[in-house]
PDB file of N, CA and C in Angstrom:
ATOM      1  N   UNK A   1      21.160 -23.334   7.670  1.00  0.00           N
ATOM      2  CA  UNK A   1      20.346 -23.013   6.752  1.00  0.00           C
ATOM      3  C   UNK A   1      21.046 -22.269   5.618  1.00  0.00           C
ATOM      4  N   UNK A   2      20.779 -22.661   4.243  1.00  0.00           N
ATOM      5  CA  UNK A   2      21.466 -22.043   3.136  1.00  0.00           C
ATOM      6  C   UNK A   2      20.871 -20.889   2.417  1.00  0.00           C
ATOM      7  N   UNK A   3      21.449 -20.384   1.734  1.00  0.00           N
ATOM      8  CA  UNK A   3      21.136 -18.955   1.315  1.00  0.00           C
ATOM      9  C   UNK A   3      19.556 -19.023   0.800  1.00  0.00           C
ATOM     10  N   UNK A   4      19.243 -20.104  -0.103  1.00  0.00           N
ATOM     11  CA  UNK A   4      17.972 -20.138  -0.796  1.00  0.00           C
ATOM     12  C   UNK A   4      16.915 -20.124   0.158  1.00  0.00           C
ATOM     13  N   UNK A   5      16.940 -21.219   1.111  1.00  0.00           N
ATOM     14  CA  UNK A   5      15.889 -21.118   2.366  1.00  0.00           C
ATOM     15  C   UNK A   5      15.873 -20.111   3.140  1.00  0.00           C
ATOM     16  N   UNK A   6      16.981 -19.340   3.334  1.00  0.00           N
ATOM     17  CA  UNK A   6      17.075 -17.946   3.976  1.00  0.00           C
ATOM     18  C   UNK A   6      16.251 -16.963   3.411  1.00  0.00           C
ATOM     19  N   UNK A   7      16.376 -17.044   2.020  1.00  0.00           N
ATOM     20  CA  UNK A   7      15.605 -15.914   1.138  1.00  0.00           C
ATOM     21  C   UNK A   7      13.850 -16.144   0.881  1.00  0.00           C
ATOM     22  N   UNK A   8      13.892 -17.505   0.562  1.00  0.00           N
ATOM     23  CA  UNK A   8      12.609 -17.684   0.675  1.00  0.00           C
ATOM     24  C   UNK A   8      11.692 -17.475   2.103  1.00  0.00           C
ATOM     25  N   UNK A   9      12.599 -17.829   3.194  1.00  0.00           N
ATOM     26  CA  UNK A   9      11.549 -17.416   4.521  1.00  0.00           C
ATOM     27  C   UNK A   9      11.689 -15.912   4.764  1.00  0.00           C
ATOM     28  N   UNK A  10      13.076 -15.247   4.155  1.00  0.00           N
ATOM     29  CA  UNK A  10      12.475 -13.695   4.272  1.00  0.00           C
ATOM     30  C   UNK A  10      11.319 -13.223   3.348  1.00  0.00           C
ATOM     31  N   UNK A  11      11.284 -13.645   2.143  1.00  0.00           N
ATOM     32  CA  UNK A  11      10.000 -13.155   1.416  1.00  0.00           C
ATOM     33  C   UNK A  11       8.976 -13.782   2.015  1.00  0.00           C
ATOM     34  N   UNK A  12       8.716 -14.552   2.714  1.00  0.00           N
ATOM     35  CA  UNK A  12       7.484 -15.268   3.270  1.00  0.00           C
ATOM     36  C   UNK A  12       7.220 -14.415   4.432  1.00  0.00           C
ATOM     37  N   UNK A  13       8.143 -14.019   5.225  1.00  0.00           N
ATOM     38  CA  UNK A  13       7.987 -13.243   6.434  1.00  0.00           C
ATOM     39  C   UNK A  13       7.462 -11.805   5.911  1.00  0.00           C
ATOM     40  N   UNK A  14       7.888 -11.164   4.829  1.00  0.00           N
ATOM     41  CA  UNK A  14       7.591  -9.847   4.473  1.00  0.00           C
ATOM     42  C   UNK A  14       6.380 -10.106   3.532  1.00  0.00           C
ATOM     43  N   UNK A  15       5.766 -10.989   3.188  1.00  0.00           N
ATOM     44  CA  UNK A  15       4.419 -11.363   2.627  1.00  0.00           C
ATOM     45  C   UNK A  15       3.498 -11.262   3.896  1.00  0.00           C
ATOM     46  N   UNK A  16       3.516 -12.092   4.695  1.00  0.00           N
ATOM     47  CA  UNK A  16       2.992 -11.936   5.858  1.00  0.00           C
ATOM     48  C   UNK A  16       2.659 -10.864   6.906  1.00  0.00           C
ATOM     49  N   UNK A  17       3.988  -9.955   6.788  1.00  0.00           N
ATOM     50  CA  UNK A  17       3.749  -8.505   7.202  1.00  0.00           C
ATOM     51  C   UNK A  17       2.686  -8.174   6.542  1.00  0.00           C
ATOM     52  N   UNK A  18       3.025  -7.775   5.116  1.00  0.00           N
ATOM     53  CA  UNK A  18       2.172  -7.236   4.298  1.00  0.00           C
ATOM     54  C   UNK A  18       0.563  -7.468   4.540  1.00  0.00           C
ATOM     55  N   UNK A  19       0.250  -8.845   4.647  1.00  0.00           N
ATOM     56  CA  UNK A  19      -1.106  -9.227   4.806  1.00  0.00           C
ATOM     57  C   UNK A  19      -1.484  -8.521   6.009  1.00  0.00           C
ATOM     58  N   UNK A  20      -0.646  -8.719   7.128  1.00  0.00           N
ATOM     59  CA  UNK A  20      -1.024  -8.314   8.398  1.00  0.00           C
ATOM     60  C   UNK A  20      -1.470  -6.807   8.454  1.00  0.00           C
ATOM     61  N   UNK A  21      -0.707  -6.032   7.661  1.00  0.00           N
ATOM     62  CA  UNK A  21      -0.971  -4.497   7.565  1.00  0.00           C
ATOM     63  C   UNK A  21      -2.253  -4.095   6.993  1.00  0.00           C
ATOM     64  N   UNK A  22      -2.371  -5.146   5.597  1.00  0.00           N
ATOM     65  CA  UNK A  22      -3.781  -4.861   5.139  1.00  0.00           C
ATOM     66  C   UNK A  22      -5.003  -5.248   6.081  1.00  0.00           C
ATOM     67  N   UNK A  23      -4.628  -6.347   6.922  1.00  0.00           N
ATOM     68  CA  UNK A  23      -5.923  -6.752   7.809  1.00  0.00           C
ATOM     69  C   UNK A  23      -5.811  -5.574   8.805  1.00  0.00           C
ATOM     70  N   UNK A  24      -4.767  -5.574   9.577  1.00  0.00           N
ATOM     71  CA  UNK A  24      -4.921  -4.252  10.673  1.00  0.00           C
ATOM     72  C   UNK A  24      -5.224  -3.155  10.067  1.00  0.00           C
ATOM     73  N   UNK A  25      -4.842  -2.579   8.895  1.00  0.00           N
ATOM     74  CA  UNK A  25      -5.463  -1.473   8.698  1.00  0.00           C
ATOM     75  C   UNK A  25      -6.814  -1.277   8.311  1.00  0.00           C
ATOM     76  N   UNK A  26      -7.271  -2.687   7.840  1.00  0.00           N
ATOM     77  CA  UNK A  26      -8.829  -2.237   7.533  1.00  0.00           C
ATOM     78  C   UNK A  26      -9.689  -2.685   8.825  1.00  0.00           C
ATOM     79  N   UNK A  27      -9.090  -3.127   9.799  1.00  0.00           N
ATOM     80  CA  UNK A  27      -9.737  -3.191  11.221  1.00  0.00           C
ATOM     81  C   UNK A  27      -9.748  -1.785  12.026  1.00  0.00           C
ATOM     82  N   UNK A  28      -8.521  -1.222  11.699  1.00  0.00           N
ATOM     83  CA  UNK A  28      -8.397   0.060  12.216  1.00  0.00           C
ATOM     84  C   UNK A  28      -9.133   1.187  11.730  1.00  0.00           C
ATOM     85  N   UNK A  29      -9.461   0.858  10.203  1.00  0.00           N
ATOM     86  CA  UNK A  29     -10.037   1.976   9.510  1.00  0.00           C
ATOM     87  C   UNK A  29     -11.360   1.762   9.880  1.00  0.00           C
ATOM     88  N   UNK A  30     -11.978   0.589  10.024  1.00  0.00           N
ATOM     89  CA  UNK A  30     -13.383   0.240  10.371  1.00  0.00           C
ATOM     90  C   UNK A  30     -13.529   0.808  11.996  1.00  0.00           C
ATOM     91  N   UNK A  31     -12.803   0.585  12.803  1.00  0.00           N
ATOM     92  CA  UNK A  31     -12.745   0.994  14.096  1.00  0.00           C
ATOM     93  C   UNK A  31     -12.978   2.742  14.098  1.00  0.00           C
ATOM     94  N   UNK A  32     -12.160   3.364  13.269  1.00  0.00           N
ATOM     95  CA  UNK A  32     -12.156   4.686  13.158  1.00  0.00           C
ATOM     96  C   UNK A  32     -13.312   5.327  12.705  1.00  0.00           C
ATOM     97  N   UNK A  33     -14.178   4.661  11.653  1.00  0.00           N
ATOM     98  CA  UNK A  33     -15.383   4.843  10.812  1.00  0.00           C
ATOM     99  C   UNK A  33     -16.738   4.753  11.904  1.00  0.00           C
ATOM    100  N   UNK A  34     -16.301   3.600  12.711  1.00  0.00           N
ATOM    101  CA  UNK A  34     -17.510   3.495  13.977  1.00  0.00           C
ATOM    102  C   UNK A  34     -17.527   4.745  14.881  1.00  0.00           C
ATOM    103  N   UNK A  35     -16.297   4.784  15.162  1.00  0.00           N
ATOM    104  CA  UNK A  35     -15.984   6.101  16.109  1.00  0.00           C
ATOM    105  C   UNK A  35     -16.538   7.643  15.707  1.00  0.00           C
ATOM    106  N   UNK A  36     -16.112   7.732  14.486  1.00  0.00           N
ATOM    107  CA  UNK A  36     -16.742   8.859  13.916  1.00  0.00           C
ATOM    108  C   UNK A  36     -18.284   9.054  13.742  1.00  0.00           C
ATOM    109  N   UNK A  37     -18.989   7.734  13.445  1.00  0.00           N
ATOM    110  CA  UNK A  37     -20.193   7.943  13.560  1.00  0.00           C
ATOM    111  C   UNK A  37     -20.838   8.097  15.027  1.00  0.00           C
ATOM    112  N   UNK A  38     -20.501   7.707  16.039  1.00  0.00           N
ATOM    113  CA  UNK A  38     -20.884   7.658  17.214  1.00  0.00           C
ATOM    114  C   UNK A  38     -20.419   8.944  17.790  1.00  0.00           C
ATOM    115  N   UNK A  39     -19.335   9.573  17.260  1.00  0.00           N
ATOM    116  CA  UNK A  39     -19.439  11.006  17.740  1.00  0.00           C
ATOM    117  C   UNK A  39     -20.104  12.018  16.796  1.00  0.00           C
ATOM    118  N   UNK A  40     -21.239  11.340  15.952  1.00  0.00           N
ATOM    119  CA  UNK A  40     -22.033  12.108  15.587  1.00  0.00           C
ATOM    120  C   UNK A  40     -21.510  13.015  14.303  1.00  0.00           C
ATOM    121  N   UNK A  41     -20.423  12.439  13.507  1.00  0.00           N
ATOM    122  CA  UNK A  41     -19.989  13.030  12.332  1.00  0.00           C
ATOM    123  C   UNK A  41     -21.061  12.713  11.252  1.00  0.00           C
ATOM    124  N   UNK A  42     -20.941  13.762  10.347  1.00  0.00           N
ATOM    125  CA  UNK A  42     -21.731  13.452   8.991  1.00  0.00           C
ATOM    126  C   UNK A  42     -21.270  12.189   8.652  1.00  0.00           C
ATOM    127  N   UNK A  43     -22.238  11.084   7.986  1.00  0.00           N
ATOM    128  CA  UNK A  43     -21.865  10.056   7.161  1.00  0.00           C
ATOM    129  C   UNK A  43     -21.175  10.155   6.397  1.00  0.00           C
ATOM    130  N   UNK A  44     -21.406  11.138   5.338  1.00  0.00           N
ATOM    131  CA  UNK A  44     -20.554  11.083   4.182  1.00  0.00           C
ATOM    132  C   UNK A  44     -18.987  11.552   4.695  1.00  0.00           C
ATOM    133  N   UNK A  45     -18.810  12.423   5.596  1.00  0.00           N
ATOM    134  CA  UNK A  45     -17.401  12.805   5.909  1.00  0.00           C
ATOM    135  C   UNK A  45     -16.858  11.597   6.632  1.00  0.00           C
ATOM    136  N   UNK A  46     -17.648  10.810   7.386  1.00  0.00           N
ATOM    137  CA  UNK A  46     -16.968   9.587   7.944  1.00  0.00           C
ATOM    138  C   UNK A  46     -16.842   8.609   6.959  1.00  0.00           C
ATOM    139  N   UNK A  47     -17.532   8.513   6.026  1.00  0.00           N
ATOM    140  CA  UNK A  47     -17.266   7.687   4.652  1.00  0.00           C
ATOM    141  C   UNK A  47     -15.950   8.005   3.967  1.00  0.00           C
ATOM    142  N   UNK A  48     -15.864   9.060   3.940  1.00  0.00           N
ATOM    143  CA  UNK A  48     -14.717   9.502   3.229  1.00  0.00           C
ATOM    144  C   UNK A  48     -13.433   9.244   3.905  1.00  0.00           C
ATOM    145  N   UNK A  49     -13.623   9.715   5.056  1.00  0.00           N
ATOM    146  CA  UNK A  49     -12.378   9.570   5.834  1.00  0.00           C
ATOM    147  C   UNK A  49     -12.006   7.627   6.075  1.00  0.00           C
ATOM    148  N   UNK A  50     -13.048   6.966   5.754  1.00  0.00           N
ATOM    149  CA  UNK A  50     -12.933   5.616   5.909  1.00  0.00           C
ATOM    150  C   UNK A  50     -12.078   4.948   4.603  1.00  0.00           C
ATOM    151  N   UNK A  51     -12.495   5.675   3.636  1.00  0.00           N
ATOM    152  CA  UNK A  51     -11.772   5.199   2.262  1.00  0.00           C
ATOM    153  C   UNK A  51     -10.638   5.892   2.276  1.00  0.00           C
ATOM    154  N   UNK A  52     -10.070   6.859   2.755  1.00  0.00           N
ATOM    155  CA  UNK A  52      -9.014   7.612   2.898  1.00  0.00           C
ATOM    156  C   UNK A  52      -8.017   6.327   3.772  1.00  0.00           C
ATOM    157  N   UNK A  53      -8.613   5.904   4.876  1.00  0.00           N
ATOM    158  CA  UNK A  53      -7.836   5.255   5.884  1.00  0.00           C
ATOM    159  C   UNK A  53      -7.265   3.813   5.289  1.00  0.00           C
ATOM    160  N   UNK A  54      -8.624   3.552   4.580  1.00  0.00           N
ATOM    161  CA  UNK A  54      -8.276   2.203   3.835  1.00  0.00           C
ATOM    162  C   UNK A  54      -7.204   2.281   2.672  1.00  0.00           C
ATOM    163  N   UNK A  55      -7.542   3.137   2.080  1.00  0.00           N
ATOM    164  CA  UNK A  55      -6.407   3.629   0.940  1.00  0.00           C
ATOM    165  C   UNK A  55      -5.137   3.744   1.398  1.00  0.00           C
ATOM    166  N   UNK A  56      -4.510   4.311   2.628  1.00  0.00           N
ATOM    167  CA  UNK A  56      -3.486   4.127   3.236  1.00  0.00           C
ATOM    168  C   UNK A  56      -2.970   2.888   3.667  1.00  0.00           C
ATOM    169  N   UNK A  57      -3.860   2.032   4.007  1.00  0.00           N
ATOM    170  CA  UNK A  57      -3.477   0.628   4.377  1.00  0.00           C
ATOM    171  C   UNK A  57      -3.283  -0.016   3.562  1.00  0.00           C
ATOM    172  N   UNK A  58      -3.893  -0.046   2.242  1.00  0.00           N
ATOM    173  CA  UNK A  58      -3.688  -0.446   1.068  1.00  0.00           C
ATOM    174  C   UNK A  58      -2.287  -0.304   0.759  1.00  0.00           C
ATOM    175  N   UNK A  59      -2.030   1.118   0.467  1.00  0.00           N
ATOM    176  CA  UNK A  59      -0.841   1.435  -0.100  1.00  0.00           C
ATOM    177  C   UNK A  59       0.581   0.867   0.671  1.00  0.00           C
ATOM    178  N   UNK A  60       0.389   0.991   2.013  1.00  0.00           N
ATOM    179  CA  UNK A  60       1.400   0.413   2.805  1.00  0.00           C
ATOM    180  C   UNK A  60       1.830  -1.219   2.702  1.00  0.00           C
ATOM    181  N   UNK A  61       0.361  -1.880   2.656  1.00  0.00           N
ATOM    182  CA  UNK A  61       0.509  -3.417   2.473  1.00  0.00           C
ATOM    183  C   UNK A  61       0.871  -3.445   0.968  1.00  0.00           C
ATOM    184  N   UNK A  62       0.764  -2.767  -0.005  1.00  0.00           N
ATOM    185  CA  UNK A  62       1.006  -3.060  -1.384  1.00  0.00           C
ATOM    186  C   UNK A  62       2.745  -3.299  -1.572  1.00  0.00           C
ATOM    187  N   UNK A  63       3.216  -1.929  -0.701  1.00  0.00           N
ATOM    188  CA  UNK A  63       4.506  -1.600  -0.982  1.00  0.00           C
ATOM    189  C   UNK A  63       5.163  -3.013  -0.218  1.00  0.00           C
ATOM    190  N   UNK A  64       4.933  -3.558   0.851  1.00  0.00           N
ATOM    191  CA  UNK A  64       5.268  -4.590   1.488  1.00  0.00           C
ATOM    192  C   UNK A  64       5.429  -5.805   0.326  1.00  0.00           C
ATOM    193  N   UNK A  65       4.127  -5.977  -0.180  1.00  0.00           N
ATOM    194  CA  UNK A  65       3.871  -7.279  -1.098  1.00  0.00           C
ATOM    195  C   UNK A  65       4.782  -7.044  -2.285  1.00  0.00           C
ATOM    196  N   UNK A  66       5.121  -5.872  -2.789  1.00  0.00           N
ATOM    197  CA  UNK A  66       6.191  -5.674  -3.856  1.00  0.00           C
ATOM    198  C   UNK A  66       7.663  -6.036  -3.410  1.00  0.00           C
ATOM    199  N   UNK A  67       7.862  -5.504  -2.047  1.00  0.00           N
ATOM    200  CA  UNK A  67       9.186  -6.074  -1.413  1.00  0.00           C
ATOM    201  C   UNK A  67       9.312  -7.548  -1.631  1.00  0.00           C
ATOM    202  N   UNK A  68       8.520  -8.247  -1.172  1.00  0.00           N
ATOM    203  CA  UNK A  68       8.331  -9.688  -0.827  1.00  0.00           C
ATOM    204  C   UNK A  68       8.537 -10.346  -2.624  1.00  0.00           C
ATOM    205  N   UNK A  69       7.873  -9.680  -3.191  1.00  0.00           N
ATOM    206  CA  UNK A  69       7.775 -10.303  -4.713  1.00  0.00           C
ATOM    207  C   UNK A  69       9.224 -10.238  -5.182  1.00  0.00           C
ATOM    208  N   UNK A  70       9.846  -8.822  -5.139  1.00  0.00           N
ATOM    209  CA  UNK A  70      11.246  -8.766  -5.568  1.00  0.00           C
ATOM    210  C   UNK A  70      12.270  -9.522  -4.640  1.00  0.00           C
ATOM    211  N   UNK A  71      12.269  -9.761  -3.500  1.00  0.00           N
ATOM    212  CA  UNK A  71      12.699 -10.823  -2.841  1.00  0.00           C
ATOM    213  C   UNK A  71      12.679 -12.219  -3.146  1.00  0.00           C
ATOM    214  N   UNK A  72      11.815 -12.522  -3.485  1.00  0.00           N
ATOM    215  CA  UNK A  72      11.390 -13.989  -4.077  1.00  0.00           C
ATOM    216  C   UNK A  72      11.762 -14.340  -5.799  1.00  0.00           C
ATOM    217  N   UNK A  73      11.581 -13.143  -6.167  1.00  0.00           N
ATOM    218  CA  UNK A  73      11.737 -13.422  -7.734  1.00  0.00           C
ATOM    219  C   UNK A  73      13.363 -13.246  -8.024  1.00  0.00           C
ATOM    220  N   UNK A  74      13.736 -12.123  -7.641  1.00  0.00           N
ATOM    221  CA  UNK A  74      14.980 -11.672  -8.134  1.00  0.00           C
ATOM    222  C   UNK A  74      16.183 -12.720  -7.405  1.00  0.00           C
ATOM    223  N   UNK A  75      16.161 -12.620  -6.464  1.00  0.00           N
ATOM    224  CA  UNK A  75      17.389 -13.463  -5.252  1.00  0.00           C
ATOM    225  C   UNK A  75      17.121 -14.883  -5.320  1.00  0.00           C
ATOM    226  N   UNK A  76      15.937 -15.578  -5.533  1.00  0.00           N
ATOM    227  CA  UNK A  76      15.802 -16.929  -5.942  1.00  0.00           C
ATOM    228  C   UNK A  76      16.446 -17.258  -7.294  1.00  0.00           C
ATOM    229  N   UNK A  77      15.431 -17.143  -8.250  1.00  0.00           N
ATOM    230  CA  UNK A  77      15.717 -17.443  -9.727  1.00  0.00           C
ATOM    231  C   UNK A  77      15.341 -16.424 -10.625  1.00  0.00           C
ATOM    232  N   UNK A  78      16.438 -15.524 -10.945  1.00  0.00           N
ATOM    233  CA  UNK A  78      16.197 -14.446 -11.618  1.00  0.00           C
ATOM    234  C   UNK A  78      16.009 -15.005 -13.255  1.00  0.00           C
ATOM    235  N   UNK A  79      15.276 -15.674 -13.465  1.00  0.00           N
ATOM    236  CA  UNK A  79      15.282 -16.155 -14.932  1.00  0.00           C
ATOM    237  C   UNK A  79      14.488 -14.525 -16.045  1.00  0.00           C
ATOM    238  N   UNK A  80      14.658 -14.992 -17.149  1.00  0.00           N
ATOM    239  CA  UNK A  80      13.680 -13.869 -17.578  1.00  0.00           C
ATOM    240  C   UNK A  80      12.301 -13.896 -17.761  1.00  0.00           C
ATOM    241  N   UNK A  81      11.810 -15.088 -17.641  1.00  0.00           N
ATOM    242  CA  UNK A  81      10.230 -15.271 -17.451  1.00  0.00           C
ATOM    243  C   UNK A  81       9.632 -14.552 -16.094  1.00  0.00           C
ATOM    244  N   UNK A  82      10.707 -15.044 -15.018  1.00  0.00           N
ATOM    245  CA  UNK A  82      10.540 -14.485 -13.579  1.00  0.00           C
ATOM    246  C   UNK A  82      10.535 -13.138 -13.577  1.00  0.00           C
ATOM    247  N   UNK A  83      11.508 -12.583 -14.379  1.00  0.00           N
ATOM    248  CA  UNK A  83      11.722 -11.084 -14.081  1.00  0.00           C
ATOM    249  C   UNK A  83      10.660 -10.519 -15.036  1.00  0.00           C
ATOM    250  N   UNK A  84       9.974 -10.967 -16.063  1.00  0.00           N
ATOM    251  CA  UNK A  84       8.832 -10.622 -16.829  1.00  0.00           C
ATOM    252  C   UNK A  84       7.764 -10.586 -15.695  1.00  0.00           C
ATOM    253  N   UNK A  85       7.233 -11.566 -14.938  1.00  0.00           N
ATOM    254  CA  UNK A  85       6.270 -11.877 -14.141  1.00  0.00           C
ATOM    255  C   UNK A  85       6.278 -10.626 -13.043  1.00  0.00           C
ATOM    256  N   UNK A  86       7.354 -10.504 -12.591  1.00  0.00           N
ATOM    257  CA  UNK A  86       7.717  -9.569 -11.387  1.00  0.00           C
ATOM    258  C   UNK A  86       7.380  -8.055 -12.165  1.00  0.00           C
ATOM    259  N   UNK A  87       7.787  -7.722 -13.406  1.00  0.00           N
ATOM    260  CA  UNK A  87       7.640  -6.420 -13.946  1.00  0.00           C
ATOM    261  C   UNK A  87       6.012  -6.337 -13.970  1.00  0.00           C
ATOM    262  N   UNK A  88       5.377  -7.307 -14.187  1.00  0.00           N
ATOM    263  CA  UNK A  88       3.891  -6.950 -14.573  1.00  0.00           C
ATOM    264  C   UNK A  88       3.482  -6.802 -13.378  1.00  0.00           C
ATOM    265  N   UNK A  89       3.879  -7.766 -12.313  1.00  0.00           N
ATOM    266  CA  UNK A  89       3.155  -7.503 -11.009  1.00  0.00           C
ATOM    267  C   UNK A  89       3.792  -6.199 -10.197  1.00  0.00           C
ATOM    268  N   UNK A  90       4.634  -5.638 -10.364  1.00  0.00           N
ATOM    269  CA  UNK A  90       5.004  -4.153 -10.069  1.00  0.00           C
ATOM    270  C   UNK A  90       4.394  -3.331 -10.616  1.00  0.00           C
ATOM    271  N   UNK A  91       4.135  -3.528 -11.986  1.00  0.00           N
ATOM    272  CA  UNK A  91       3.527  -2.414 -12.966  1.00  0.00           C
ATOM    273  C   UNK A  91       1.881  -2.269 -12.429  1.00  0.00           C
ATOM    274  N   UNK A  92       1.541  -3.536 -12.083  1.00  0.00           N
ATOM    275  CA  UNK A  92       0.069  -3.401 -11.678  1.00  0.00           C
ATOM    276  C   UNK A  92      -0.066  -2.859 -10.354  1.00  0.00           C
ATOM    277  N   UNK A  93       0.732  -3.011  -9.207  1.00  0.00           N
ATOM    278  CA  UNK A  93       0.769  -2.595  -8.208  1.00  0.00           C
ATOM    279  C   UNK A  93       1.057  -1.096  -8.194  1.00  0.00           C
ATOM    280  N   UNK A  94       1.892  -0.657  -9.027  1.00  0.00           N
ATOM    281  CA  UNK A  94       2.529   0.622  -9.012  1.00  0.00           C
ATOM    282  C   UNK A  94       1.132   1.383  -9.681  1.00  0.00           C
ATOM    283  N   UNK A  95       0.393   0.877 -10.557  1.00  0.00           N
ATOM    284  CA  UNK A  95      -0.871   1.737 -11.041  1.00  0.00           C
ATOM    285  C   UNK A  95      -1.877   1.644  -9.877  1.00  0.00           C
ATOM    286  N   UNK A  96      -1.980   0.645  -9.199  1.00  0.00           N
ATOM    287  CA  UNK A  96      -2.911   0.705  -8.039  1.00  0.00           C
ATOM    288  C   UNK A  96      -2.630   1.731  -6.836  1.00  0.00           C
ATOM    289  N   UNK A  97      -1.354   1.718  -6.489  1.00  0.00           N
ATOM    290  CA  UNK A  97      -0.798   2.866  -5.779  1.00  0.00           C
ATOM    291  C   UNK A  97      -0.830   4.123  -6.138  1.00  0.00           C
ATOM    292  N   UNK A  98      -0.572   4.661  -7.417  1.00  0.00           N
ATOM    293  CA  UNK A  98      -1.057   5.960  -8.059  1.00  0.00           C
ATOM    294  C   UNK A  98      -2.635   6.276  -7.918  1.00  0.00           C
ATOM    295  N   UNK A  99      -3.672   5.205  -8.218  1.00  0.00           N
ATOM    296  CA  UNK A  99      -4.777   5.529  -8.146  1.00  0.00           C
ATOM    297  C   UNK A  99      -5.239   5.499  -6.628  1.00  0.00           C
ATOM    298  N   UNK A 100      -5.034   4.815  -5.793  1.00  0.00           N
ATOM    299  CA  UNK A 100      -5.046   5.259  -4.461  1.00  0.00           C
ATOM    300  C   UNK A 100      -4.482   6.319  -4.047  1.00  0.00           C
ATOM    301  N   UNK A 101      -3.402   6.744  -4.140  1.00  0.00           N
ATOM    302  CA  UNK A 101      -2.955   7.992  -3.738  1.00  0.00           C
ATOM    303  C   UNK A 101      -3.730   9.011  -4.268  1.00  0.00           C
ATOM    304  N   UNK A 102      -4.169   9.008  -5.477  1.00  0.00           N
ATOM    305  CA  UNK A 102      -5.446  10.006  -5.975  1.00  0.00           C
ATOM    306  C   UNK A 102      -6.425  10.146  -5.344  1.00  0.00           C
ATOM    307  N   UNK A 103      -6.982   8.614  -4.780  1.00  0.00           N
ATOM    308  CA  UNK A 103      -8.112   8.654  -4.199  1.00  0.00           C
ATOM    309  C   UNK A 103      -8.125   9.352  -2.774  1.00  0.00           C
ATOM    310  N   UNK A 104      -6.756   8.827  -2.066  1.00  0.00           N
ATOM    311  CA  UNK A 104      -6.705   9.570  -0.800  1.00  0.00           C
ATOM    312  C   UNK A 104      -6.536  10.689  -0.608  1.00  0.00           C
ATOM    313  N   UNK A 105      -5.457  11.077  -1.419  1.00  0.00           N
ATOM    314  CA  UNK A 105      -5.155  12.585  -1.306  1.00  0.00           C
ATOM    315  C   UNK A 105      -5.749  13.646  -2.305  1.00  0.00           C
ATOM    316  N   UNK A 106      -6.385  13.182  -3.289  1.00  0.00           N
ATOM    317  CA  UNK A 106      -7.062  14.190  -4.318  1.00  0.00           C
ATOM    318  C   UNK A 106      -6.146  14.539  -5.152  1.00  0.00           C
ATOM    319  N   UNK A 107      -4.995  13.989  -5.334  1.00  0.00           N
ATOM    320  CA  UNK A 107      -3.951  14.719  -6.380  1.00  0.00           C
ATOM    321  C   UNK A 107      -2.845  13.695  -6.515  1.00  0.00           C
ATOM    322  N   UNK A 108      -2.149  13.645  -7.732  1.00  0.00           N
ATOM    323  CA  UNK A 108      -1.288  12.880  -8.099  1.00  0.00           C
ATOM    324  C   UNK A 108       0.101  13.049  -7.158  1.00  0.00           C
ATOM    325  N   UNK A 109       0.750  12.081  -6.953  1.00  0.00           N
ATOM    326  CA  UNK A 109       2.007  12.049  -6.199  1.00  0.00           C
ATOM    327  C   UNK A 109       2.834  13.198  -6.680  1.00  0.00           C
ATOM    328  N   UNK A 110       3.322  13.342  -7.844  1.00  0.00           N
ATOM    329  CA  UNK A 110       4.104  14.393  -8.175  1.00  0.00           C
ATOM    330  C   UNK A 110       3.530  15.722  -7.968  1.00  0.00           C
ATOM    331  N   UNK A 111       2.221  15.816  -7.576  1.00  0.00           N
ATOM    332  CA  UNK A 111       1.710  17.181  -7.299  1.00  0.00           C
ATOM    333  C   UNK A 111       1.793  17.611  -5.991  1.00  0.00           C
ATOM    334  N   UNK A 112       2.127  16.869  -5.318  1.00  0.00           N
ATOM    335  CA  UNK A 112       2.407  17.035  -3.506  1.00  0.00           C
ATOM    336  C   UNK A 112       3.074  18.353  -3.552  1.00  0.00           C
ATOM    337  N   UNK A 113       4.339  18.225  -4.355  1.00  0.00           N
ATOM    338  CA  UNK A 113       5.441  19.347  -3.997  1.00  0.00           C
ATOM    339  C   UNK A 113       4.694  20.849  -4.526  1.00  0.00           C
ATOM    340  N   UNK A 114       3.844  20.792  -5.485  1.00  0.00           N
ATOM    341  CA  UNK A 114       3.128  21.754  -6.226  1.00  0.00           C
ATOM    342  C   UNK A 114       2.266  22.347  -5.003  1.00  0.00           C
ATOM    343  N   UNK A 115       1.661  21.552  -4.512  1.00  0.00           N
ATOM    344  CA  UNK A 115       0.645  21.906  -3.334  1.00  0.00           C
ATOM    345  C   UNK A 115       1.095  22.676  -2.319  1.00  0.00           C
ATOM    346  N   UNK A 116       2.350  22.041  -1.774  1.00  0.00           N
ATOM    347  CA  UNK A 116       2.984  22.558  -0.731  1.00  0.00           C
ATOM    348  C   UNK A 116       3.465  23.818  -1.037  1.00  0.00           C
ATOM    349  N   UNK A 117       4.091  24.159  -2.114  1.00  0.00           N
ATOM    350  CA  UNK A 117       4.498  25.418  -2.478  1.00  0.00           C
ATOM    351  C   UNK A 117       3.646  26.251  -2.538  1.00  0.00           C
ATOM    352  N   UNK A 118       2.264  26.104  -3.094  1.00  0.00           N
ATOM    353  CA  UNK A 118       1.233  27.123  -3.362  1.00  0.00           C
ATOM    354  C   UNK A 118       0.748  27.410  -1.602  1.00  0.00           C
ATOM    355  N   UNK A 119       0.684  26.467  -0.979  1.00  0.00           N
ATOM    356  CA  UNK A 119       0.478  26.404   0.353  1.00  0.00           C
ATOM    357  C   UNK A 119       1.281  27.609   1.079  1.00  0.00           C
ATOM    358  N   UNK A 120       2.740  27.385   0.941  1.00  0.00           N
ATOM    359  CA  UNK A 120       3.415  28.397   1.343  1.00  0.00           C
ATOM    360  C   UNK A 120       3.611  29.618   1.029  1.00  0.00           C
ATOM    361  N   UNK A 121       3.085  29.806  -0.191  1.00  0.00           N
ATOM    362  CA  UNK A 121       3.166  31.270  -0.771  1.00  0.00           C
ATOM    363  C   UNK A 121       2.209  32.141  -0.055  1.00  0.00           C
ATOM    364  N   UNK A 122       0.980  31.330   0.295  1.00  0.00           N
ATOM    365  CA  UNK A 122      -0.415  31.767   0.975  1.00  0.00           C
ATOM    366  C   UNK A 122      -0.056  32.557   2.180  1.00  0.00           C
TER     367      UNK A 122
END
């Protein structure tokens, strides 16, 4: 197996793992949601927990898909056009990640340290 085939296969494997993480995360989040409802949790609390669980699964899946894109684009054919497409894909996924982080934790990623420092002082 030559280098190019190996890199394409590696990118494909990471893509499959990313998709599997998304699907498995959605299934586990749905199961946790059902369990919360069966344990008589308030629907609103269970719903917010579901959204947080789904957000975490999406964040992890997006990270893996970005890795696959980087492998597939940079290692195979690093043309200026391919690098531009990769930059747009990474930018979109980064914006999605920030939005999901805000949705899941209620604060921007750079505010985590500030929140931790405030909790320590109390």
